[in-house]
């Protein structure tokens, strides 16, 4: 089991993590520290617990927005896929119609050629 020393709001913490997760945990702590720093600039030092709570809520809000955007994108992809299937079906029908027109036209041309030969 790995351990990482991280700094949030100018305080160091030792945090345990799974082996190989050290870099990821360090990046997460840096993101949290950045959000805490933004809050400190906006509201001042209001205590570690309150700053961490506020930062946590802001991060949860970011996550909520990201999840909502992800859901909308998934819905949009599903709609586009359905439209693609519909477009493919329409394209196939159009090709079939054109093929039928060409077959009928060829038959009419053959019939005309036969009539011209017999005249």
Protein backbone atom coordinates (compact mmCIF):
# COMPACT_ATOMS: atom_id res chain seq x y z
CA UNK A 1 0.00 0.00 0.00
CA UNK A 2 1.41 3.36 -1.06
CA UNK A 3 1.52 6.64 0.81
CA UNK A 4 1.60 10.15 -0.52
CA UNK A 5 2.38 13.44 1.17
CA UNK A 6 0.05 16.13 -0.12
CA UNK A 7 -0.37 19.79 0.74
CA UNK A 8 -3.75 21.47 0.95
CA UNK A 9 -4.12 25.03 2.21
CA UNK A 10 -0.43 25.09 3.16
CA UNK A 11 -0.84 22.05 5.41
CA UNK A 12 0.79 18.70 4.74
CA UNK A 13 -1.10 15.43 4.99
CA UNK A 14 0.02 11.84 4.57
CA UNK A 15 -2.57 9.84 2.68
CA UNK A 16 -2.59 6.10 2.01
CA UNK A 17 -3.49 4.79 -1.44
CA UNK A 18 -3.25 1.69 -3.54
CA UNK A 19 0.06 0.89 -5.18
CA UNK A 20 0.36 2.75 -8.46
CA UNK A 21 -2.24 5.37 -7.50
CA UNK A 22 0.24 7.84 -6.03
CA UNK A 23 0.41 10.15 -9.07
CA UNK A 24 -3.36 10.26 -9.43
CA UNK A 25 -3.83 11.03 -5.74
CA UNK A 26 -1.22 13.78 -5.96
CA UNK A 27 -3.08 15.34 -8.92
CA UNK A 28 -6.39 15.17 -7.03
CA UNK A 29 -4.83 16.86 -4.02
CA UNK A 30 -3.40 19.58 -6.26
CA UNK A 31 -6.85 20.18 -7.71
CA UNK A 32 -8.36 20.39 -4.21
CA UNK A 33 -5.60 22.77 -3.11
CA UNK A 34 -6.29 24.95 -6.15
CA UNK A 35 -10.00 25.14 -5.31
CA UNK A 36 -9.23 25.89 -1.65
CA UNK A 37 -6.83 28.62 -2.81
CA UNK A 38 -9.56 30.17 -4.97
CA UNK A 39 -11.93 30.15 -2.01
CA UNK A 40 -9.29 31.65 0.29
CA UNK A 41 -8.85 34.51 -2.17
CA UNK A 42 -12.61 35.04 -2.33
CA UNK A 43 -13.63 34.67 1.33
CA UNK A 44 -10.36 34.67 3.27
CA UNK A 45 -9.17 32.11 5.81
CA UNK A 46 -12.36 30.87 7.44
CA UNK A 47 -10.86 27.73 8.95
CA UNK A 48 -9.68 24.48 7.39
CA UNK A 49 -12.91 22.60 8.00
CA UNK A 50 -15.10 25.29 6.43
CA UNK A 51 -12.72 25.81 3.48
CA UNK A 52 -12.56 22.08 2.81
CA UNK A 53 -16.35 21.81 3.06
CA UNK A 54 -16.84 24.71 0.65
CA UNK A 55 -14.22 23.33 -1.75
CA UNK A 56 -15.85 19.90 -1.56
CA UNK A 57 -19.22 21.42 -2.41
CA UNK A 58 -17.74 23.32 -5.34
CA UNK A 59 -16.09 20.16 -6.62
CA UNK A 60 -19.38 18.27 -6.21
CA UNK A 61 -21.07 21.02 -8.22
CA UNK A 62 -18.41 20.61 -10.93
CA UNK A 63 -19.02 16.86 -10.91
CA UNK A 64 -22.78 17.36 -11.10
CA UNK A 65 -22.37 19.65 -14.10
CA UNK A 66 -20.01 17.17 -15.77
CA UNK A 67 -22.42 14.26 -15.18
CA UNK A 68 -25.32 16.28 -16.60
CA UNK A 69 -23.27 17.24 -19.64
CA UNK A 70 -22.20 13.61 -20.07
CA UNK A 71 -25.85 12.48 -19.93
CA UNK A 72 -26.84 15.08 -22.53
CA UNK A 73 -23.99 14.01 -24.80
CA UNK A 74 -24.97 10.34 -24.44
CA UNK A 75 -28.57 11.24 -25.30
CA UNK A 76 -27.36 13.25 -28.29
CA UNK A 77 -25.21 10.34 -29.45
CA UNK A 78 -28.18 7.98 -29.14
CA UNK A 79 -30.33 10.40 -31.16
CA UNK A 80 -27.64 10.77 -33.83
CA UNK A 81 -27.22 6.99 -33.99
CA UNK A 82 -30.99 6.58 -34.43
CA UNK A 83 -30.99 9.27 -37.12
CA UNK A 84 -28.09 7.49 -38.79
CA UNK A 85 -30.07 4.25 -38.85
CA UNK A 86 -33.08 6.12 -40.26
CA UNK A 87 -30.90 7.83 -42.87
CA UNK A 88 -29.35 4.49 -43.84
CA UNK A 89 -32.80 2.95 -44.24
CA UNK A 90 -33.92 5.91 -46.38
CA UNK A 91 -30.75 5.64 -48.45
CA UNK A 92 -31.33 1.93 -48.98
CA UNK A 93 -34.93 2.60 -50.03
CA UNK A 94 -33.78 5.31 -52.45
CA UNK A 95 -31.20 2.97 -53.97
CA UNK A 96 -33.87 0.29 -54.37
CA UNK A 97 -36.23 2.79 -56.04
CA UNK A 98 -33.50 3.95 -58.43
CA UNK A 99 -32.61 0.35 -59.26
CA UNK A 100 -36.27 -0.41 -60.02
CA UNK A 101 -36.52 2.69 -62.25
CA UNK A 102 -33.37 1.65 -64.12
CA UNK A 103 -34.66 -1.93 -64.57
CA UNK A 104 -38.02 -0.64 -65.84
CA UNK A 105 -36.31 1.87 -68.13
CA UNK A 106 -34.04 -0.82 -69.55
CA UNK A 107 -37.05 -3.06 -70.17
CA UNK A 108 -38.89 -0.24 -71.96
CA UNK A 109 -35.81 0.48 -74.09
CA UNK A 110 -35.55 -3.21 -74.98
CA UNK A 111 -39.24 -3.30 -75.89
CA UNK A 112 -38.79 -0.22 -78.11
CA UNK A 113 -35.74 -1.75 -79.76
CA UNK A 114 -37.68 -4.93 -80.51
CA UNK A 115 -40.57 -2.92 -82.01
CA UNK A 116 -38.16 -0.90 -84.15
CA UNK A 117 -36.49 -4.06 -85.43
CA UNK A 118 -39.82 -5.58 -86.39
CA UNK A 119 -41.08 -2.48 -88.16
